[in-house]
Amino acid sequence: MDNKPGARDHWPDLPWQDWENTATTLHMWTQIVGKTRLALTPLLNHWWNVPLYVTARGLSTSAMPYRSDLFELEFDFLDHRLDARLSSGKSGSLRLRPQSVADFYGEYMDLLRSLDVSVEINPKPVEVANPIPFPEDHQHSTYDNGAATRFWRILQRCEAVFNVFRARFVGKSSPVHFFWGSFDLAVTRFNGKLAPPRPGADVITREAYSHEVISAGFWPGNGGFGAPAFYCYAAPEPAGLKQKQISPAGAFYSGDLNEFLLKYQDVREAESPAESVLEFLQSSYEAAANLAGWDRGALECEPLRLRAAE
């Protein structure tokens, strides 16, 4: 998949301690844009209407209905802009640069007004400890161009591998999407069965885990581990999962996070990083699916391969 000379260069280094401040600021910026998508789209099962999507330049809302138009927002991590486009032809952008969340929020709302787009969003961040309302957040103000580009490059590589993994499943599965609340790229498989209610679940988790799932993804350093890592978990978790050994070498079960982890740095050092990630996704899925009694014969498939007519 990527075992050609120089393939590891496509998986850039991104130590959490070097880009944590940029990531924390960017997390809030993506929440502001993501909440716009939440406001303009109908609720889809498991909140699939809210994530962002990896593009050839960054992360996008994809096209959203707005009055008689379609409206799209895209973070461009090559030219470092946030672009706003309407199908009517109107467009505008703001420059991504070191500035506080409060200043970004103010410029963003000005950008929407300049395009005659009126959207009300909840200005309080979600899924973070000690949330600071966007208009009041002068604490987070770091933006490193190089780190943001490397982050997006990693998401590119992850999305390609995740889509290969997704193609092996004929049951219900999510798109590969970026959740701005938790700030991770994820793909989720379902076995079609309702899950028991989660004790103490809020409205977000209640909808997200309404059915039995095995979910995998990539944390860029957040998520409680303190370093970039791939993860996989089952909800509800079947008995015995904590004791399962999975591959490749270096993958392990975190009792603190209740999920399997594979360090991104270990992936970078593998002969084929993409194959290493795919092996982790498959191995952790199989461990969880077997213990949970999923009907793998009915849910899995060989990816379709279309040939040109001979």
Protein backbone atom coordinates (compact mmCIF):
# COMPACT_ATOMS: atom_id res chain seq x y z
CA MET A 1 0.00 0.00 0.00
CA ASP A 2 2.80 2.43 0.82
CA ASN A 3 5.89 0.22 0.94
CA LYS A 4 7.79 2.14 -1.72
CA PRO A 5 11.02 3.97 -0.84
CA GLY A 6 10.25 7.22 0.94
CA ALA A 7 6.72 6.16 1.91
CA ARG A 8 7.37 6.97 5.57
CA ASP A 9 8.01 10.58 4.57
CA HIS A 10 4.28 10.79 3.79
CA TRP A 11 3.51 10.28 7.48
CA PRO A 12 5.07 13.43 8.99
CA ASP A 13 6.30 13.76 12.53
CA LEU A 14 3.94 15.65 14.83
CA PRO A 15 4.93 15.41 18.52
CA TRP A 16 2.08 16.53 20.75
CA GLN A 17 4.30 18.74 22.89
CA ASP A 18 5.34 20.67 19.76
CA TRP A 19 1.86 21.43 18.50
CA GLU A 20 -0.47 21.12 21.49
CA ASN A 21 -1.11 24.87 21.67
CA THR A 22 -1.90 25.06 17.96
CA ALA A 23 -4.11 21.98 18.22
CA THR A 24 -6.04 23.43 21.15
CA THR A 25 -6.68 26.67 19.29
CA LEU A 26 -7.57 24.87 16.06
CA HIS A 27 -9.92 22.61 18.02
CA MET A 28 -11.95 25.67 19.02
CA TRP A 29 -11.90 27.08 15.49
CA THR A 30 -13.20 23.80 14.06
CA GLN A 31 -15.94 23.80 16.70
CA ILE A 32 -17.09 27.24 15.56
CA VAL A 33 -17.30 26.09 11.94
CA GLY A 34 -18.71 22.70 12.92
CA LYS A 35 -21.49 24.28 14.96
CA THR A 36 -22.51 26.13 11.80
CA ARG A 37 -22.92 22.79 10.06
CA LEU A 38 -24.90 21.54 13.05
CA ALA A 39 -27.23 24.56 12.78
CA LEU A 40 -27.85 24.22 9.04
CA THR A 41 -28.36 20.47 8.63
CA PRO A 42 -31.06 18.06 9.84
CA LEU A 43 -30.06 15.64 12.58
CA LEU A 44 -28.75 12.41 11.11
CA ASN A 45 -28.40 9.20 13.11
CA HIS A 46 -25.40 9.18 15.48
CA TRP A 47 -24.76 12.90 14.71
CA TRP A 48 -23.44 12.11 11.24
CA ASN A 49 -24.67 15.50 10.07
CA VAL A 50 -22.10 17.40 12.16
CA PRO A 51 -18.56 16.20 11.25
CA LEU A 52 -16.09 17.76 8.85
CA TYR A 53 -14.50 15.93 5.92
CA VAL A 54 -10.92 15.67 4.68
CA THR A 55 -10.39 17.45 1.35
CA ALA A 56 -7.53 18.05 -1.06
CA ARG A 57 -6.69 21.22 0.88
CA GLY A 58 -7.92 20.73 4.44
CA LEU A 59 -11.24 20.11 6.19
CA SER A 60 -14.68 21.00 4.84
CA THR A 61 -18.27 21.11 6.01
CA SER A 62 -19.28 19.88 2.54
CA ALA A 63 -22.22 21.66 0.89
CA MET A 64 -25.00 22.68 3.29
CA PRO A 65 -28.46 24.00 2.37
CA TYR A 66 -28.97 27.68 3.08
CA ARG A 67 -32.22 29.25 1.84
CA SER A 68 -32.13 28.70 -1.95
CA ASP A 69 -28.33 28.28 -1.97
CA LEU A 70 -25.74 25.73 -1.01
CA PHE A 71 -23.15 26.97 1.47
CA GLU A 72 -19.72 25.47 2.16
CA LEU A 73 -16.89 26.26 4.57
CA GLU A 74 -13.39 24.86 4.13
CA PHE A 75 -10.23 25.12 6.19
CA ASP A 76 -7.36 25.43 3.69
CA PHE A 77 -4.19 24.18 5.40
CA LEU A 78 -2.00 24.91 2.36
CA ASP A 79 -2.73 28.62 1.94
CA HIS A 80 -4.00 28.87 5.54
CA ARG A 81 -7.41 30.37 4.96
CA LEU A 82 -10.96 29.63 5.95
CA ASP A 83 -12.94 29.85 2.72
CA ALA A 84 -16.69 30.42 2.57
CA ARG A 85 -18.58 29.77 -0.66
CA LEU A 86 -22.20 30.02 -1.79
CA SER A 87 -23.65 28.40 -4.89
CA SER A 88 -24.93 31.86 -5.88
CA GLY A 89 -21.30 32.84 -6.50
CA LYS A 90 -20.63 34.84 -3.36
CA SER A 91 -17.45 33.95 -1.53
CA GLY A 92 -15.08 35.23 1.10
CA SER A 93 -12.28 34.10 3.34
CA LEU A 94 -10.32 34.91 6.46
CA ARG A 95 -6.65 34.25 7.04
CA LEU A 96 -5.58 31.58 9.51
CA ARG A 97 -2.88 33.08 11.71
CA PRO A 98 -1.96 33.40 15.38
CA GLN A 99 -5.00 35.04 16.96
CA SER A 100 -7.29 34.33 19.87
CA VAL A 101 -10.42 32.24 19.58
CA ALA A 102 -12.38 35.37 20.47
CA ASP A 103 -10.85 37.32 17.58
CA PHE A 104 -11.35 34.42 15.18
CA TYR A 105 -14.98 34.14 16.26
CA GLY A 106 -15.52 37.86 15.67
CA GLU A 107 -13.94 37.74 12.21
CA TYR A 108 -15.89 34.61 11.37
CA MET A 109 -19.23 36.17 12.23
CA ASP A 110 -18.25 39.25 10.19
CA LEU A 111 -17.46 36.95 7.26
CA LEU A 112 -20.88 35.33 7.46
CA ARG A 113 -22.59 38.72 7.61
CA SER A 114 -20.66 39.90 4.54
CA LEU A 115 -22.18 36.95 2.65
CA ASP A 116 -25.68 37.61 4.04
CA VAL A 117 -25.56 34.31 5.92
CA SER A 118 -27.35 34.39 9.25
CA VAL A 119 -26.67 31.46 11.60
CA GLU A 120 -27.09 31.22 15.35
CA ILE A 121 -24.69 28.88 17.12
CA ASN A 122 -24.15 28.00 20.76
CA PRO A 123 -20.93 29.89 21.62
CA LYS A 124 -19.93 27.43 24.34
CA PRO A 125 -17.47 24.65 23.32
CA VAL A 126 -18.44 21.02 23.83
CA GLU A 127 -16.56 17.89 24.89
CA VAL A 128 -13.73 19.82 26.56
CA ALA A 129 -12.87 20.44 30.19
CA ASN A 130 -13.47 23.97 31.52
CA PRO A 131 -15.01 25.35 28.32
CA ILE A 132 -14.57 29.05 27.63
CA PRO A 133 -17.28 30.68 25.44
CA PHE A 134 -15.80 31.61 22.08
CA PRO A 135 -16.28 35.40 22.41
CA GLU A 136 -14.45 35.30 25.76
CA ASP A 137 -11.56 32.98 24.86
CA HIS A 138 -8.41 35.08 24.73
CA GLN A 139 -6.37 32.21 26.18
CA HIS A 140 -6.00 30.04 23.08
CA SER A 141 -4.26 31.99 20.34
CA THR A 142 -1.50 29.82 18.80
CA TYR A 143 -1.39 28.85 15.14
CA ASP A 144 1.69 27.28 13.56
CA ASN A 145 1.32 26.93 9.78
CA GLY A 146 3.71 24.01 9.51
CA ALA A 147 2.06 22.04 12.29
CA ALA A 148 -1.42 22.59 10.82
CA THR A 149 -0.24 21.38 7.41
CA ARG A 150 1.43 18.28 8.87
CA PHE A 151 -1.73 17.51 10.83
CA TRP A 152 -3.80 17.65 7.65
CA ARG A 153 -1.25 15.50 5.77
CA ILE A 154 -1.65 12.83 8.44
CA LEU A 155 -5.44 13.02 8.14
CA GLN A 156 -5.05 12.47 4.38
CA ARG A 157 -3.09 9.26 4.96
CA CYS A 158 -5.47 8.07 7.65
CA GLU A 159 -8.55 8.67 5.52
CA ALA A 160 -7.14 6.59 2.68
CA VAL A 161 -6.44 3.63 4.97
CA PHE A 162 -9.73 3.99 6.86
CA ASN A 163 -11.64 3.86 3.56
CA VAL A 164 -9.88 0.61 2.61
CA PHE A 165 -10.95 -0.79 5.98
CA ARG A 166 -14.49 0.51 5.50
CA ALA A 167 -14.74 -1.21 2.12
CA ARG A 168 -14.38 -4.60 3.83
CA PHE A 169 -17.74 -4.20 5.60
CA VAL A 170 -21.16 -4.65 4.00
CA GLY A 171 -23.10 -3.77 7.15
CA LYS A 172 -23.89 -0.25 8.25
CA SER A 173 -20.77 1.87 8.66
CA SER A 174 -20.13 5.56 9.03
CA PRO A 175 -18.31 7.70 6.53
CA VAL A 176 -14.73 8.52 7.44
CA HIS A 177 -15.30 11.85 9.16
CA PHE A 178 -13.67 14.33 11.51
CA PHE A 179 -15.56 15.02 14.73
CA TRP A 180 -14.83 18.58 15.81
CA GLY A 181 -16.20 17.96 19.31
CA SER A 182 -13.64 15.29 20.16
CA PHE A 183 -11.11 16.44 17.51
CA ASP A 184 -10.46 13.05 15.92
CA LEU A 185 -10.89 11.26 12.61
CA ALA A 186 -13.15 8.21 12.95
CA VAL A 187 -14.90 5.36 11.17
CA THR A 188 -17.53 3.22 12.92
CA ARG A 189 -19.08 -0.18 12.20
CA PHE A 190 -22.50 -1.35 13.41
CA ASN A 191 -23.97 -4.83 13.78
CA GLY A 192 -27.58 -3.59 13.58
CA LYS A 193 -28.51 -4.27 17.19
CA LEU A 194 -29.78 -1.73 19.72
CA ALA A 195 -27.38 -1.11 22.58
CA PRO A 196 -28.46 -1.02 26.23
CA PRO A 197 -28.82 2.52 27.62
CA ARG A 198 -25.52 3.99 28.81
CA PRO A 199 -25.63 4.99 32.48
CA GLY A 200 -25.51 8.76 32.86
CA ALA A 201 -25.43 9.37 29.09
CA ASP A 202 -26.05 12.91 27.89
CA VAL A 203 -27.93 13.74 24.71
CA ILE A 204 -24.74 13.46 22.62
CA THR A 205 -23.57 10.06 23.83
CA ARG A 206 -27.10 8.68 24.02
CA GLU A 207 -27.57 9.22 20.30
CA ALA A 208 -23.99 8.32 19.37
CA TYR A 209 -24.18 4.93 21.10
CA SER A 210 -27.82 4.00 20.54
CA HIS A 211 -26.64 0.86 18.71
CA GLU A 212 -23.79 -1.58 19.24
CA VAL A 213 -20.61 -0.29 17.60
CA ILE A 214 -16.94 -0.95 17.02
CA SER A 215 -15.28 2.36 16.31
CA ALA A 216 -11.74 3.19 15.24
CA GLY A 217 -9.89 6.39 14.53
CA PHE A 218 -6.94 8.68 15.02
CA TRP A 219 -6.25 11.02 17.91
CA PRO A 220 -3.70 13.72 16.91
CA GLY A 221 -2.39 13.93 20.49
CA ASN A 222 -5.49 14.72 22.49
CA GLY A 223 -7.89 12.07 23.73
CA GLY A 224 -6.21 11.48 27.07
CA PHE A 225 -3.12 9.63 25.82
CA GLY A 226 -0.76 12.58 25.38
CA ALA A 227 0.63 11.50 22.01
CA PRO A 228 -0.76 10.91 18.52
CA ALA A 229 -2.28 7.42 18.33
CA PHE A 230 -4.72 5.19 16.53
CA TYR A 231 -7.53 3.75 18.62
CA CYS A 232 -10.29 1.16 18.52
CA TYR A 233 -13.04 0.42 21.04
CA ALA A 234 -16.31 -1.47 21.28
CA ALA A 235 -19.48 -0.09 22.86
CA PRO A 236 -20.75 -1.89 24.79
CA GLU A 237 -17.43 -3.58 25.52
CA PRO A 238 -17.62 -7.40 25.53
CA ALA A 239 -16.19 -9.32 28.47
CA GLY A 240 -12.60 -10.37 27.97
CA LEU A 241 -11.61 -7.65 25.52
CA LYS A 242 -9.06 -6.16 27.90
CA GLN A 243 -7.10 -9.41 27.86
CA LYS A 244 -6.96 -9.82 24.07
CA GLN A 245 -3.64 -9.58 22.27
CA ILE A 246 -3.80 -7.83 18.93
CA SER A 247 -1.36 -6.88 16.19
CA PRO A 248 0.89 -5.31 15.02
CA ALA A 249 3.63 -5.37 17.61
CA GLY A 250 3.29 -2.39 19.92
CA ALA A 251 -0.52 -2.28 19.91
CA PHE A 252 -2.02 -2.59 23.38
CA TYR A 253 -5.18 -2.18 25.42
CA SER A 254 -5.31 0.93 27.62
CA GLY A 255 -7.15 0.29 30.85
CA ASP A 256 -7.28 4.04 31.45
CA LEU A 257 -9.04 4.80 28.17
CA ASN A 258 -10.80 1.45 27.64
CA GLU A 259 -9.62 1.12 24.08
CA PHE A 260 -6.89 -0.43 21.98
CA LEU A 261 -4.10 1.95 21.00
CA LEU A 262 -1.27 1.99 18.48
CA LYS A 263 1.18 4.85 18.77
CA TYR A 264 1.53 6.99 15.68
CA GLN A 265 5.29 7.01 16.11
CA ASP A 266 5.33 3.21 15.89
CA VAL A 267 3.36 3.48 12.65
CA ARG A 268 5.88 5.97 11.23
CA GLU A 269 8.72 3.54 11.97
CA ALA A 270 6.99 0.56 10.33
CA GLU A 271 8.20 -0.73 6.97
CA SER A 272 4.75 0.08 5.57
CA PRO A 273 2.89 2.59 7.77
CA ALA A 274 -0.41 2.14 5.95
CA GLU A 275 -0.30 -1.65 6.24
CA SER A 276 0.53 -1.28 9.94
CA VAL A 277 -2.56 0.90 10.50
CA LEU A 278 -4.76 -1.46 8.47
CA GLU A 279 -3.49 -4.45 10.47
CA PHE A 280 -4.34 -2.64 13.71
CA LEU A 281 -7.84 -1.77 12.51
CA GLN A 282 -8.56 -5.31 11.38
CA SER A 283 -7.03 -7.06 14.38
CA SER A 284 -8.76 -4.91 16.98
CA TYR A 285 -12.08 -5.17 15.14
CA GLU A 286 -11.82 -8.96 14.96
CA ALA A 287 -11.03 -9.22 18.67
CA ALA A 288 -14.08 -7.15 19.62
CA ALA A 289 -16.45 -8.64 17.02
CA ASN A 290 -15.63 -12.23 17.95
CA LEU A 291 -16.11 -11.65 21.67
CA ALA A 292 -19.34 -9.69 21.10
CA GLY A 293 -20.78 -12.39 18.85
CA TRP A 294 -21.16 -10.29 15.72
CA ASP A 295 -22.37 -12.20 12.64
CA ARG A 296 -19.18 -11.55 10.73
CA GLY A 297 -20.20 -13.73 7.81
CA ALA A 298 -23.20 -11.52 7.13
CA LEU A 299 -21.49 -8.20 7.89
CA GLU A 300 -18.17 -8.48 6.11
CA CYS A 301 -17.28 -8.66 2.43
CA GLU A 302 -14.46 -8.68 -0.05
CA PRO A 303 -14.09 -5.17 -1.48
CA LEU A 304 -15.52 -4.86 -4.97
CA ARG A 305 -12.89 -4.54 -7.64
CA LEU A 306 -14.12 -3.31 -11.02
CA ARG A 307 -12.17 -4.26 -14.10
CA ALA A 308 -12.18 -2.67 -17.49
CA ALA A 309 -13.87 -4.83 -20.11
CA GLU A 310 -11.36 -7.04 -21.90
